[in-house]
């Protein structure tokens, strides 16, 4: 059973800001510091982590 972590942003918020989180990561910014609750959530949620990884891969392929 997963423990409740009050820092965890949850699936809804993570999904809402995932594009900005990925943009920050790819720009070399500290996305973890800027979106701490999202970073915690991505460590704990396999579904959101898969969305994150897919968005990273897609963004890298489509950038010039």
N, C-alpha and C. Protein backbone atom coordinates (compact mmCIF):
# COMPACT_ATOMS: atom_id res chain seq x y z
N UNK A 1 0.83 -1.19 0.00
CA UNK A 1 0.00 0.00 0.00
C UNK A 1 0.88 1.25 0.00
N UNK A 2 0.55 2.21 -0.86
CA UNK A 2 1.31 3.45 -0.93
C UNK A 2 0.94 4.36 0.23
N UNK A 3 1.94 4.99 0.81
CA UNK A 3 1.68 5.98 1.84
C UNK A 3 1.24 7.28 1.19
N UNK A 4 0.41 8.02 1.90
CA UNK A 4 -0.01 9.33 1.42
C UNK A 4 1.16 10.29 1.56
N UNK A 5 1.48 10.98 0.51
CA UNK A 5 2.54 11.99 0.52
C UNK A 5 1.89 13.31 0.15
N UNK A 6 1.82 14.21 1.07
CA UNK A 6 1.13 15.49 0.85
C UNK A 6 1.78 16.32 -0.26
N UNK A 7 3.02 16.01 -0.59
CA UNK A 7 3.70 16.74 -1.67
C UNK A 7 3.25 16.26 -3.05
N UNK A 8 2.65 15.08 -3.12
CA UNK A 8 2.22 14.47 -4.39
C UNK A 8 1.11 15.31 -5.02
N UNK A 9 1.35 15.80 -6.23
CA UNK A 9 0.39 16.67 -6.91
C UNK A 9 -0.85 15.93 -7.41
N UNK A 10 -0.78 14.63 -7.55
CA UNK A 10 -1.92 13.86 -8.04
C UNK A 10 -1.95 13.81 -9.56
N UNK A 11 -2.74 12.88 -10.07
CA UNK A 11 -2.82 12.68 -11.52
C UNK A 11 -3.41 13.89 -12.25
N UNK A 12 -4.46 14.47 -11.72
CA UNK A 12 -5.12 15.58 -12.41
C UNK A 12 -4.22 16.77 -12.62
N UNK A 13 -3.57 17.21 -11.55
CA UNK A 13 -2.68 18.37 -11.66
C UNK A 13 -1.47 18.03 -12.53
N UNK A 14 -0.92 16.84 -12.34
CA UNK A 14 0.24 16.44 -13.13
C UNK A 14 -0.09 16.46 -14.62
N UNK A 15 -1.22 15.92 -14.98
CA UNK A 15 -1.65 15.92 -16.38
C UNK A 15 -1.81 17.35 -16.90
N UNK A 16 -2.34 18.22 -16.06
CA UNK A 16 -2.60 19.61 -16.49
C UNK A 16 -1.33 20.40 -16.76
N UNK A 17 -0.24 20.07 -16.07
CA UNK A 17 0.99 20.85 -16.23
C UNK A 17 2.13 20.05 -16.84
N UNK A 18 1.86 18.82 -17.27
CA UNK A 18 2.93 17.96 -17.76
C UNK A 18 3.69 18.56 -18.93
N UNK A 19 3.00 19.25 -19.83
CA UNK A 19 3.69 19.87 -20.96
C UNK A 19 4.69 20.92 -20.49
N UNK A 20 4.32 21.70 -19.49
CA UNK A 20 5.24 22.72 -18.96
C UNK A 20 6.41 22.08 -18.21
N UNK A 21 6.14 21.00 -17.51
CA UNK A 21 7.18 20.27 -16.80
C UNK A 21 8.22 19.75 -17.80
N UNK A 22 7.75 19.12 -18.86
CA UNK A 22 8.64 18.58 -19.89
C UNK A 22 9.40 19.70 -20.60
N UNK A 23 8.72 20.80 -20.92
CA UNK A 23 9.41 21.94 -21.54
C UNK A 23 10.54 22.44 -20.65
N UNK A 24 10.29 22.53 -19.35
CA UNK A 24 11.32 22.98 -18.41
C UNK A 24 12.49 22.01 -18.39
N UNK A 25 12.19 20.72 -18.35
CA UNK A 25 13.26 19.71 -18.37
C UNK A 25 14.11 19.82 -19.62
N UNK A 26 13.46 19.89 -20.77
CA UNK A 26 14.19 19.92 -22.04
C UNK A 26 14.95 21.22 -22.24
N UNK A 27 14.53 22.29 -21.58
CA UNK A 27 15.23 23.57 -21.66
C UNK A 27 16.40 23.62 -20.68
N UNK A 28 16.58 22.56 -19.89
CA UNK A 28 17.68 22.52 -18.94
C UNK A 28 17.39 23.17 -17.61
N UNK A 29 16.13 23.51 -17.37
CA UNK A 29 15.74 24.11 -16.09
C UNK A 29 15.51 23.01 -15.06
N UNK A 30 15.50 23.39 -13.80
CA UNK A 30 15.26 22.44 -12.72
C UNK A 30 13.76 22.26 -12.55
N UNK A 31 13.18 21.37 -13.33
CA UNK A 31 11.73 21.13 -13.29
C UNK A 31 11.30 20.61 -11.93
N UNK A 32 12.15 19.83 -11.28
CA UNK A 32 11.83 19.29 -9.96
C UNK A 32 11.63 20.41 -8.95
N UNK A 33 12.47 21.43 -8.99
CA UNK A 33 12.34 22.55 -8.06
C UNK A 33 11.10 23.38 -8.38
N UNK A 34 10.83 23.54 -9.65
CA UNK A 34 9.71 24.39 -10.09
C UNK A 34 8.36 23.70 -9.93
N UNK A 35 8.33 22.39 -10.13
CA UNK A 35 7.10 21.59 -10.06
C UNK A 35 7.31 20.42 -9.11
N UNK A 36 7.63 20.72 -7.87
CA UNK A 36 7.98 19.68 -6.89
C UNK A 36 6.93 18.60 -6.73
N UNK A 37 5.67 19.00 -6.62
CA UNK A 37 4.60 18.02 -6.44
C UNK A 37 4.44 17.10 -7.63
N UNK A 38 4.70 17.63 -8.81
CA UNK A 38 4.64 16.82 -10.03
C UNK A 38 5.78 15.81 -10.03
N UNK A 39 6.97 16.25 -9.66
CA UNK A 39 8.12 15.35 -9.62
C UNK A 39 7.87 14.20 -8.65
N UNK A 40 7.32 14.52 -7.49
CA UNK A 40 6.99 13.47 -6.51
C UNK A 40 5.97 12.51 -7.11
N UNK A 41 4.97 13.05 -7.76
CA UNK A 41 3.93 12.19 -8.35
C UNK A 41 4.51 11.29 -9.44
N UNK A 42 5.37 11.82 -10.28
CA UNK A 42 5.95 11.01 -11.35
C UNK A 42 6.78 9.86 -10.81
N UNK A 43 7.36 10.03 -9.64
CA UNK A 43 8.12 8.94 -9.02
C UNK A 43 7.20 7.82 -8.54
N UNK A 44 5.95 8.15 -8.25
CA UNK A 44 5.03 7.21 -7.61
C UNK A 44 3.98 6.62 -8.54
N UNK A 45 3.71 7.26 -9.67
CA UNK A 45 2.60 6.85 -10.53
C UNK A 45 3.11 6.34 -11.88
N UNK A 46 3.06 5.03 -12.11
CA UNK A 46 3.55 4.49 -13.38
C UNK A 46 2.80 5.03 -14.60
N UNK A 47 1.51 5.27 -14.49
CA UNK A 47 0.74 5.77 -15.64
C UNK A 47 1.18 7.17 -16.03
N UNK A 48 1.32 8.05 -15.06
CA UNK A 48 1.76 9.42 -15.36
C UNK A 48 3.21 9.45 -15.82
N UNK A 49 4.03 8.57 -15.25
CA UNK A 49 5.42 8.49 -15.68
C UNK A 49 5.50 8.04 -17.14
N UNK A 50 4.64 7.11 -17.53
CA UNK A 50 4.60 6.67 -18.93
C UNK A 50 4.18 7.82 -19.84
N UNK A 51 3.20 8.60 -19.41
CA UNK A 51 2.80 9.78 -20.20
C UNK A 51 3.96 10.76 -20.32
N UNK A 52 4.67 10.97 -19.22
CA UNK A 52 5.84 11.87 -19.20
C UNK A 52 6.90 11.38 -20.19
N UNK A 53 7.22 10.10 -20.10
CA UNK A 53 8.26 9.54 -20.97
C UNK A 53 7.85 9.63 -22.43
N UNK A 54 6.59 9.38 -22.72
CA UNK A 54 6.10 9.49 -24.09
C UNK A 54 6.15 10.92 -24.60
N UNK A 55 5.80 11.87 -23.75
CA UNK A 55 5.84 13.27 -24.15
C UNK A 55 7.28 13.74 -24.39
N UNK A 56 8.19 13.29 -23.55
CA UNK A 56 9.62 13.60 -23.75
C UNK A 56 10.07 13.07 -25.11
N UNK A 57 9.77 11.81 -25.39
CA UNK A 57 10.20 11.19 -26.64
C UNK A 57 9.60 11.90 -27.85
N UNK A 58 8.32 12.19 -27.79
CA UNK A 58 7.65 12.86 -28.90
C UNK A 58 8.20 14.26 -29.12
N UNK A 59 8.40 14.99 -28.06
CA UNK A 59 8.92 16.36 -28.16
C UNK A 59 10.32 16.36 -28.75
N UNK A 60 11.15 15.43 -28.32
CA UNK A 60 12.51 15.35 -28.86
C UNK A 60 12.50 15.02 -30.35
N UNK A 61 11.60 14.16 -30.77
CA UNK A 61 11.52 13.77 -32.19
C UNK A 61 11.02 14.91 -33.07
N UNK A 62 10.17 15.76 -32.53
CA UNK A 62 9.54 16.79 -33.36
C UNK A 62 10.23 18.14 -33.30
N UNK A 63 11.18 18.31 -32.40
CA UNK A 63 11.91 19.58 -32.35
C UNK A 63 12.98 19.62 -33.43
N UNK A 64 13.21 20.80 -33.95
CA UNK A 64 14.23 20.99 -35.00
C UNK A 64 15.59 21.17 -34.38
